[in-house]
PDB file of N, CA and C in Angstrom:
ATOM      1  N   MET A   1     -28.466  23.956 -20.697  1.00  0.00           N
ATOM      2  CA  MET A   1     -28.650  25.204 -19.268  1.00  0.00           C
ATOM      3  C   MET A   1     -29.422  25.290 -19.439  1.00  0.00           C
ATOM      4  N   LYS A   2     -30.073  25.534 -17.723  1.00  0.00           N
ATOM      5  CA  LYS A   2     -30.764  25.952 -17.549  1.00  0.00           C
ATOM      6  C   LYS A   2     -30.953  27.789 -17.409  1.00  0.00           C
ATOM      7  N   LEU A   3     -32.252  27.889 -17.683  1.00  0.00           N
ATOM      8  CA  LEU A   3     -32.721  29.696 -17.857  1.00  0.00           C
ATOM      9  C   LEU A   3     -32.350  30.479 -16.199  1.00  0.00           C
ATOM     10  N   LYS A   4     -32.673  29.835 -15.142  1.00  0.00           N
ATOM     11  CA  LYS A   4     -31.867  29.731 -13.692  1.00  0.00           C
ATOM     12  C   LYS A   4     -30.625  29.660 -13.469  1.00  0.00           C
ATOM     13  N   GLU A   5     -30.467  28.907 -13.954  1.00  0.00           N
ATOM     14  CA  GLU A   5     -28.084  29.596 -13.732  1.00  0.00           C
ATOM     15  C   GLU A   5     -27.883  30.635 -14.269  1.00  0.00           C
ATOM     16  N   LEU A   6     -28.376  30.697 -15.887  1.00  0.00           N
ATOM     17  CA  LEU A   6     -28.046  31.741 -16.456  1.00  0.00           C
ATOM     18  C   LEU A   6     -27.731  33.028 -15.879  1.00  0.00           C
ATOM     19  N   GLN A   7     -29.018  33.092 -15.157  1.00  0.00           N
ATOM     20  CA  GLN A   7     -29.844  34.461 -14.827  1.00  0.00           C
ATOM     21  C   GLN A   7     -29.319  34.971 -13.930  1.00  0.00           C
ATOM     22  N   GLU A   8     -28.722  33.758 -12.814  1.00  0.00           N
ATOM     23  CA  GLU A   8     -27.472  33.791 -11.947  1.00  0.00           C
ATOM     24  C   GLU A   8     -26.265  34.256 -11.941  1.00  0.00           C
ATOM     25  N   MET A   9     -25.590  34.034 -13.564  1.00  0.00           N
ATOM     26  CA  MET A   9     -24.548  34.891 -14.144  1.00  0.00           C
ATOM     27  C   MET A   9     -24.685  35.971 -14.491  1.00  0.00           C
ATOM     28  N   GLY A  10     -23.865  36.838 -14.128  1.00  0.00           N
ATOM     29  CA  GLY A  10     -23.010  38.254 -14.168  1.00  0.00           C
ATOM     30  C   GLY A  10     -23.004  38.254 -15.979  1.00  0.00           C
ATOM     31  N   THR A  11     -22.745  39.488 -16.973  1.00  0.00           N
ATOM     32  CA  THR A  11     -22.721  39.943 -17.743  1.00  0.00           C
ATOM     33  C   THR A  11     -21.549  39.786 -18.369  1.00  0.00           C
ATOM     34  N   ASP A  12     -20.232  39.696 -17.963  1.00  0.00           N
ATOM     35  CA  ASP A  12     -19.133  39.404 -18.314  1.00  0.00           C
ATOM     36  C   ASP A  12     -19.319  37.924 -18.309  1.00  0.00           C
ATOM     37  N   GLU A  13     -19.634  37.473 -17.958  1.00  0.00           N
ATOM     38  CA  GLU A  13     -19.649  35.489 -17.459  1.00  0.00           C
ATOM     39  C   GLU A  13     -20.179  34.971 -18.463  1.00  0.00           C
ATOM     40  N   LEU A  14     -21.234  36.045 -18.836  1.00  0.00           N
ATOM     41  CA  LEU A  14     -23.010  35.435 -19.669  1.00  0.00           C
ATOM     42  C   LEU A  14     -22.108  35.628 -21.421  1.00  0.00           C
ATOM     43  N   LEU A  15     -20.891  36.813 -21.725  1.00  0.00           N
ATOM     44  CA  LEU A  15     -20.609  36.796 -23.105  1.00  0.00           C
ATOM     45  C   LEU A  15     -19.255  36.127 -23.310  1.00  0.00           C
ATOM     46  N   THR A  16     -18.796  35.255 -22.024  1.00  0.00           N
ATOM     47  CA  THR A  16     -17.520  34.295 -21.569  1.00  0.00           C
ATOM     48  C   THR A  16     -18.118  32.668 -22.510  1.00  0.00           C
ATOM     49  N   LYS A  17     -19.417  33.110 -21.643  1.00  0.00           N
ATOM     50  CA  LYS A  17     -20.149  31.341 -21.976  1.00  0.00           C
ATOM     51  C   LYS A  17     -20.185  31.564 -23.394  1.00  0.00           C
ATOM     52  N   LYS A  18     -21.215  32.520 -24.018  1.00  0.00           N
ATOM     53  CA  LYS A  18     -21.180  32.476 -25.177  1.00  0.00           C
ATOM     54  C   LYS A  18     -20.222  32.276 -26.287  1.00  0.00           C
ATOM     55  N   ARG A  19     -19.415  33.685 -26.383  1.00  0.00           N
ATOM     56  CA  ARG A  19     -17.986  32.627 -26.996  1.00  0.00           C
ATOM     57  C   ARG A  19     -18.042  31.315 -26.413  1.00  0.00           C
ATOM     58  N   ASP A  20     -17.440  31.156 -26.168  1.00  0.00           N
ATOM     59  CA  ASP A  20     -17.018  29.422 -25.605  1.00  0.00           C
ATOM     60  C   ASP A  20     -18.210  28.348 -25.971  1.00  0.00           C
ATOM     61  N   LEU A  21     -19.806  29.030 -26.113  1.00  0.00           N
ATOM     62  CA  LEU A  21     -20.715  27.488 -26.950  1.00  0.00           C
ATOM     63  C   LEU A  21     -20.295  27.864 -28.105  1.00  0.00           C
ATOM     64  N   ARG A  22     -19.756  29.614 -28.826  1.00  0.00           N
ATOM     65  CA  ARG A  22     -20.004  29.782 -30.642  1.00  0.00           C
ATOM     66  C   ARG A  22     -18.829  28.905 -30.605  1.00  0.00           C
ATOM     67  N   GLN A  23     -17.708  28.279 -30.449  1.00  0.00           N
ATOM     68  CA  GLN A  23     -16.732  28.442 -30.388  1.00  0.00           C
ATOM     69  C   GLN A  23     -16.969  26.582 -30.768  1.00  0.00           C
ATOM     70  N   GLU A  24     -17.773  26.148 -29.180  1.00  0.00           N
ATOM     71  CA  GLU A  24     -17.831  24.880 -29.390  1.00  0.00           C
ATOM     72  C   GLU A  24     -18.849  24.795 -30.422  1.00  0.00           C
ATOM     73  N   SER A  25     -19.412  25.627 -30.803  1.00  0.00           N
ATOM     74  CA  SER A  25     -20.711  25.184 -32.461  1.00  0.00           C
ATOM     75  C   SER A  25     -20.216  24.965 -33.068  1.00  0.00           C
ATOM     76  N   LEU A  26     -18.824  26.068 -33.492  1.00  0.00           N
ATOM     77  CA  LEU A  26     -18.160  25.768 -34.209  1.00  0.00           C
ATOM     78  C   LEU A  26     -17.619  24.157 -34.698  1.00  0.00           C
ATOM     79  N   HIS A  27     -16.463  23.981 -33.909  1.00  0.00           N
ATOM     80  CA  HIS A  27     -15.971  22.748 -33.856  1.00  0.00           C
ATOM     81  C   HIS A  27     -16.914  21.724 -34.346  1.00  0.00           C
ATOM     82  N   LEU A  28     -17.706  21.754 -33.894  1.00  0.00           N
ATOM     83  CA  LEU A  28     -19.483  20.597 -33.898  1.00  0.00           C
ATOM     84  C   LEU A  28     -19.444  20.893 -35.499  1.00  0.00           C
ATOM     85  N   ARG A  29     -19.564  21.745 -36.074  1.00  0.00           N
ATOM     86  CA  ARG A  29     -19.776  22.192 -37.082  1.00  0.00           C
ATOM     87  C   ARG A  29     -19.244  21.514 -38.165  1.00  0.00           C
ATOM     88  N   LEU A  30     -17.462  21.852 -37.805  1.00  0.00           N
ATOM     89  CA  LEU A  30     -16.536  21.543 -38.958  1.00  0.00           C
ATOM     90  C   LEU A  30     -16.393  19.317 -38.429  1.00  0.00           C
ATOM     91  N   GLN A  31     -16.802  19.536 -37.651  1.00  0.00           N
ATOM     92  CA  GLN A  31     -16.689  17.571 -37.451  1.00  0.00           C
ATOM     93  C   GLN A  31     -18.293  16.984 -37.974  1.00  0.00           C
ATOM     94  N   GLN A  32     -19.325  17.953 -38.230  1.00  0.00           N
ATOM     95  CA  GLN A  32     -19.895  17.204 -38.899  1.00  0.00           C
ATOM     96  C   GLN A  32     -19.942  17.109 -40.261  1.00  0.00           C
ATOM     97  N   GLN A  33     -19.070  18.015 -40.709  1.00  0.00           N
ATOM     98  CA  GLN A  33     -19.261  18.603 -42.393  1.00  0.00           C
ATOM     99  C   GLN A  33     -17.900  17.568 -43.153  1.00  0.00           C
ATOM    100  N   SER A  34     -16.809  16.887 -41.465  1.00  0.00           N
ATOM    101  CA  SER A  34     -16.055  16.134 -42.429  1.00  0.00           C
ATOM    102  C   SER A  34     -16.675  14.662 -41.722  1.00  0.00           C
ATOM    103  N   GLY A  35     -17.929  14.422 -40.959  1.00  0.00           N
ATOM    104  CA  GLY A  35     -18.544  12.674 -41.257  1.00  0.00           C
ATOM    105  C   GLY A  35     -17.805  13.086 -40.184  1.00  0.00           C
ATOM    106  N   GLN A  36     -17.500  13.169 -38.942  1.00  0.00           N
ATOM    107  CA  GLN A  36     -17.212  12.621 -37.133  1.00  0.00           C
ATOM    108  C   GLN A  36     -17.668  12.895 -36.296  1.00  0.00           C
ATOM    109  N   LEU A  37     -19.441  13.717 -37.107  1.00  0.00           N
ATOM    110  CA  LEU A  37     -19.938  14.578 -35.583  1.00  0.00           C
ATOM    111  C   LEU A  37     -20.645  13.171 -34.878  1.00  0.00           C
ATOM    112  N   GLU A  38     -20.458  12.548 -33.167  1.00  0.00           N
ATOM    113  CA  GLU A  38     -20.912  11.966 -32.665  1.00  0.00           C
ATOM    114  C   GLU A  38     -22.369  12.174 -32.007  1.00  0.00           C
ATOM    115  N   GLN A  39     -22.669  13.248 -31.912  1.00  0.00           N
ATOM    116  CA  GLN A  39     -23.839  13.599 -31.457  1.00  0.00           C
ATOM    117  C   GLN A  39     -24.359  14.557 -32.090  1.00  0.00           C
ATOM    118  N   PRO A  40     -25.358  14.769 -33.274  1.00  0.00           N
ATOM    119  CA  PRO A  40     -25.478  16.202 -33.756  1.00  0.00           C
ATOM    120  C   PRO A  40     -26.557  16.931 -33.352  1.00  0.00           C
ATOM    121  N   SER A  41     -27.372  16.409 -32.272  1.00  0.00           N
ATOM    122  CA  SER A  41     -28.351  17.015 -31.178  1.00  0.00           C
ATOM    123  C   SER A  41     -27.923  18.329 -30.555  1.00  0.00           C
ATOM    124  N   ARG A  42     -26.866  17.581 -29.964  1.00  0.00           N
ATOM    125  CA  ARG A  42     -25.512  18.603 -29.364  1.00  0.00           C
ATOM    126  C   ARG A  42     -25.533  20.028 -30.146  1.00  0.00           C
ATOM    127  N   LEU A  43     -26.077  20.083 -31.313  1.00  0.00           N
ATOM    128  CA  LEU A  43     -25.511  21.372 -32.106  1.00  0.00           C
ATOM    129  C   LEU A  43     -26.774  21.944 -31.887  1.00  0.00           C
ATOM    130  N   ARG A  44     -28.212  21.422 -31.486  1.00  0.00           N
ATOM    131  CA  ARG A  44     -29.626  22.213 -31.486  1.00  0.00           C
ATOM    132  C   ARG A  44     -29.256  22.302 -29.637  1.00  0.00           C
ATOM    133  N   LEU A  45     -28.863  22.263 -29.033  1.00  0.00           N
ATOM    134  CA  LEU A  45     -28.935  22.369 -27.559  1.00  0.00           C
ATOM    135  C   LEU A  45     -27.645  23.383 -27.847  1.00  0.00           C
ATOM    136  N   LEU A  46     -26.595  23.673 -28.402  1.00  0.00           N
ATOM    137  CA  LEU A  46     -25.788  24.445 -27.987  1.00  0.00           C
ATOM    138  C   LEU A  46     -26.224  26.008 -28.841  1.00  0.00           C
ATOM    139  N   ARG A  47     -27.262  25.855 -30.236  1.00  0.00           N
ATOM    140  CA  ARG A  47     -27.623  27.073 -30.267  1.00  0.00           C
ATOM    141  C   ARG A  47     -29.315  27.472 -29.402  1.00  0.00           C
ATOM    142  N   ARG A  48     -29.554  26.521 -28.956  1.00  0.00           N
ATOM    143  CA  ARG A  48     -30.710  27.209 -27.945  1.00  0.00           C
ATOM    144  C   ARG A  48     -29.732  27.444 -27.280  1.00  0.00           C
ATOM    145  N   ASP A  49     -29.012  26.697 -26.257  1.00  0.00           N
ATOM    146  CA  ASP A  49     -28.287  27.993 -24.861  1.00  0.00           C
ATOM    147  C   ASP A  49     -27.788  29.327 -25.595  1.00  0.00           C
ATOM    148  N   VAL A  50     -27.602  29.525 -26.559  1.00  0.00           N
ATOM    149  CA  VAL A  50     -26.263  30.999 -27.283  1.00  0.00           C
ATOM    150  C   VAL A  50     -27.923  31.491 -27.727  1.00  0.00           C
ATOM    151  N   ALA A  51     -29.260  31.168 -27.914  1.00  0.00           N
ATOM    152  CA  ALA A  51     -29.940  32.214 -27.877  1.00  0.00           C
ATOM    153  C   ALA A  51     -30.440  32.483 -26.251  1.00  0.00           C
ATOM    154  N   ARG A  52     -30.374  31.523 -25.503  1.00  0.00           N
ATOM    155  CA  ARG A  52     -31.229  31.928 -23.976  1.00  0.00           C
ATOM    156  C   ARG A  52     -30.175  33.192 -23.684  1.00  0.00           C
ATOM    157  N   ILE A  53     -28.680  33.430 -23.744  1.00  0.00           N
ATOM    158  CA  ILE A  53     -27.755  33.884 -23.257  1.00  0.00           C
ATOM    159  C   ILE A  53     -28.361  35.598 -24.395  1.00  0.00           C
ATOM    160  N   GLU A  54     -28.376  35.406 -25.419  1.00  0.00           N
ATOM    161  CA  GLU A  54     -28.868  36.530 -25.906  1.00  0.00           C
ATOM    162  C   GLU A  54     -29.638  37.555 -25.844  1.00  0.00           C
ATOM    163  N   THR A  55     -30.840  36.160 -25.181  1.00  0.00           N
ATOM    164  CA  THR A  55     -31.913  37.636 -24.947  1.00  0.00           C
ATOM    165  C   THR A  55     -32.082  37.486 -23.965  1.00  0.00           C
ATOM    166  N   LEU A  56     -30.934  36.722 -22.378  1.00  0.00           N
ATOM    167  CA  LEU A  56     -30.917  37.850 -21.097  1.00  0.00           C
ATOM    168  C   LEU A  56     -29.735  39.087 -21.255  1.00  0.00           C
ATOM    169  N   LEU A  57     -28.854  38.763 -22.078  1.00  0.00           N
ATOM    170  CA  LEU A  57     -28.237  40.400 -23.013  1.00  0.00           C
ATOM    171  C   LEU A  57     -29.294  41.129 -22.516  1.00  0.00           C
ATOM    172  N   THR A  58     -30.217  41.100 -23.742  1.00  0.00           N
ATOM    173  CA  THR A  58     -30.792  41.658 -24.563  1.00  0.00           C
ATOM    174  C   THR A  58     -31.851  42.253 -22.745  1.00  0.00           C
ATOM    175  N   GLN A  59     -32.205  41.228 -22.416  1.00  0.00           N
ATOM    176  CA  GLN A  59     -32.625  41.988 -21.142  1.00  0.00           C
ATOM    177  C   GLN A  59     -32.413  43.164 -20.723  1.00  0.00           C
ATOM    178  N   ARG A  60     -31.396  42.711 -20.067  1.00  0.00           N
ATOM    179  CA  ARG A  60     -30.454  43.107 -19.196  1.00  0.00           C
ATOM    180  C   ARG A  60     -30.079  44.968 -20.197  1.00  0.00           C
ATOM    181  N   ASN A  61     -29.634  44.720 -21.483  1.00  0.00           N
ATOM    182  CA  ASN A  61     -29.417  46.051 -22.202  1.00  0.00           C
ATOM    183  C   ASN A  61     -30.912  46.981 -21.931  1.00  0.00           C
ATOM    184  N   LYS A  62     -31.778  46.088 -22.251  1.00  0.00           N
ATOM    185  CA  LYS A  62     -33.400  47.356 -22.139  1.00  0.00           C
ATOM    186  C   LYS A  62     -33.142  47.626 -20.602  1.00  0.00           C
ATOM    187  N   GLU A  63     -32.988  47.129 -19.755  1.00  0.00           N
ATOM    188  CA  GLU A  63     -33.326  47.538 -18.346  1.00  0.00           C
ATOM    189  C   GLU A  63     -32.526  48.507 -17.755  1.00  0.00           C
ATOM    190  N   ALA A  64     -30.997  48.068 -18.208  1.00  0.00           N
ATOM    191  CA  ALA A  64     -29.945  49.205 -17.893  1.00  0.00           C
ATOM    192  C   ALA A  64     -30.242  50.544 -19.050  1.00  0.00           C
ATOM    193  N   ALA A  65     -30.744  50.842 -20.054  1.00  0.00           N
ATOM    194  CA  ALA A  65     -31.257  51.939 -21.162  1.00  0.00           C
ATOM    195  C   ALA A  65     -32.380  52.234 -20.040  1.00  0.00           C
ATOM    196  N   ALA A  66     -34.032  51.782 -19.608  1.00  0.00           N
ATOM    197  CA  ALA A  66     -34.892  51.926 -18.815  1.00  0.00           C
ATOM    198  C   ALA A  66     -34.109  53.328 -17.710  1.00  0.00           C
ATOM    199  N   LYS A  67     -33.313  52.537 -16.596  1.00  0.00           N
ATOM    200  CA  LYS A  67     -33.054  53.366 -15.651  1.00  0.00           C
ATOM    201  C   LYS A  67     -32.270  54.427 -16.281  1.00  0.00           C
ATOM    202  N   LYS A  68     -31.519  54.576 -17.113  1.00  0.00           N
ATOM    203  CA  LYS A  68     -30.903  56.024 -18.079  1.00  0.00           C
ATOM    204  C   LYS A  68     -31.831  57.471 -18.097  1.00  0.00           C
TER     205      LYS A  68
END
C-alpha cells in the first residue's frame, strides 16, 4: 500500500486497516507454521504496511497534542 493512499485515509479507517492487516498476518503465520504458505514475501509486505500505518497514527497523535 502506498504512503499517499494511507495519508488520505482518516484515523478510523487507518485503525480498521491496521486491525485487518494484523489479522491477515496472523493467518499467514499460521499457514507458514503448517507449511502451507505460498507467498512468504506477503508477510514482509504486511509488516511494512502495519509499520507505515502506525507511523502515521503516531504523527497524527503528536500533531493533535501539539495543537492543545
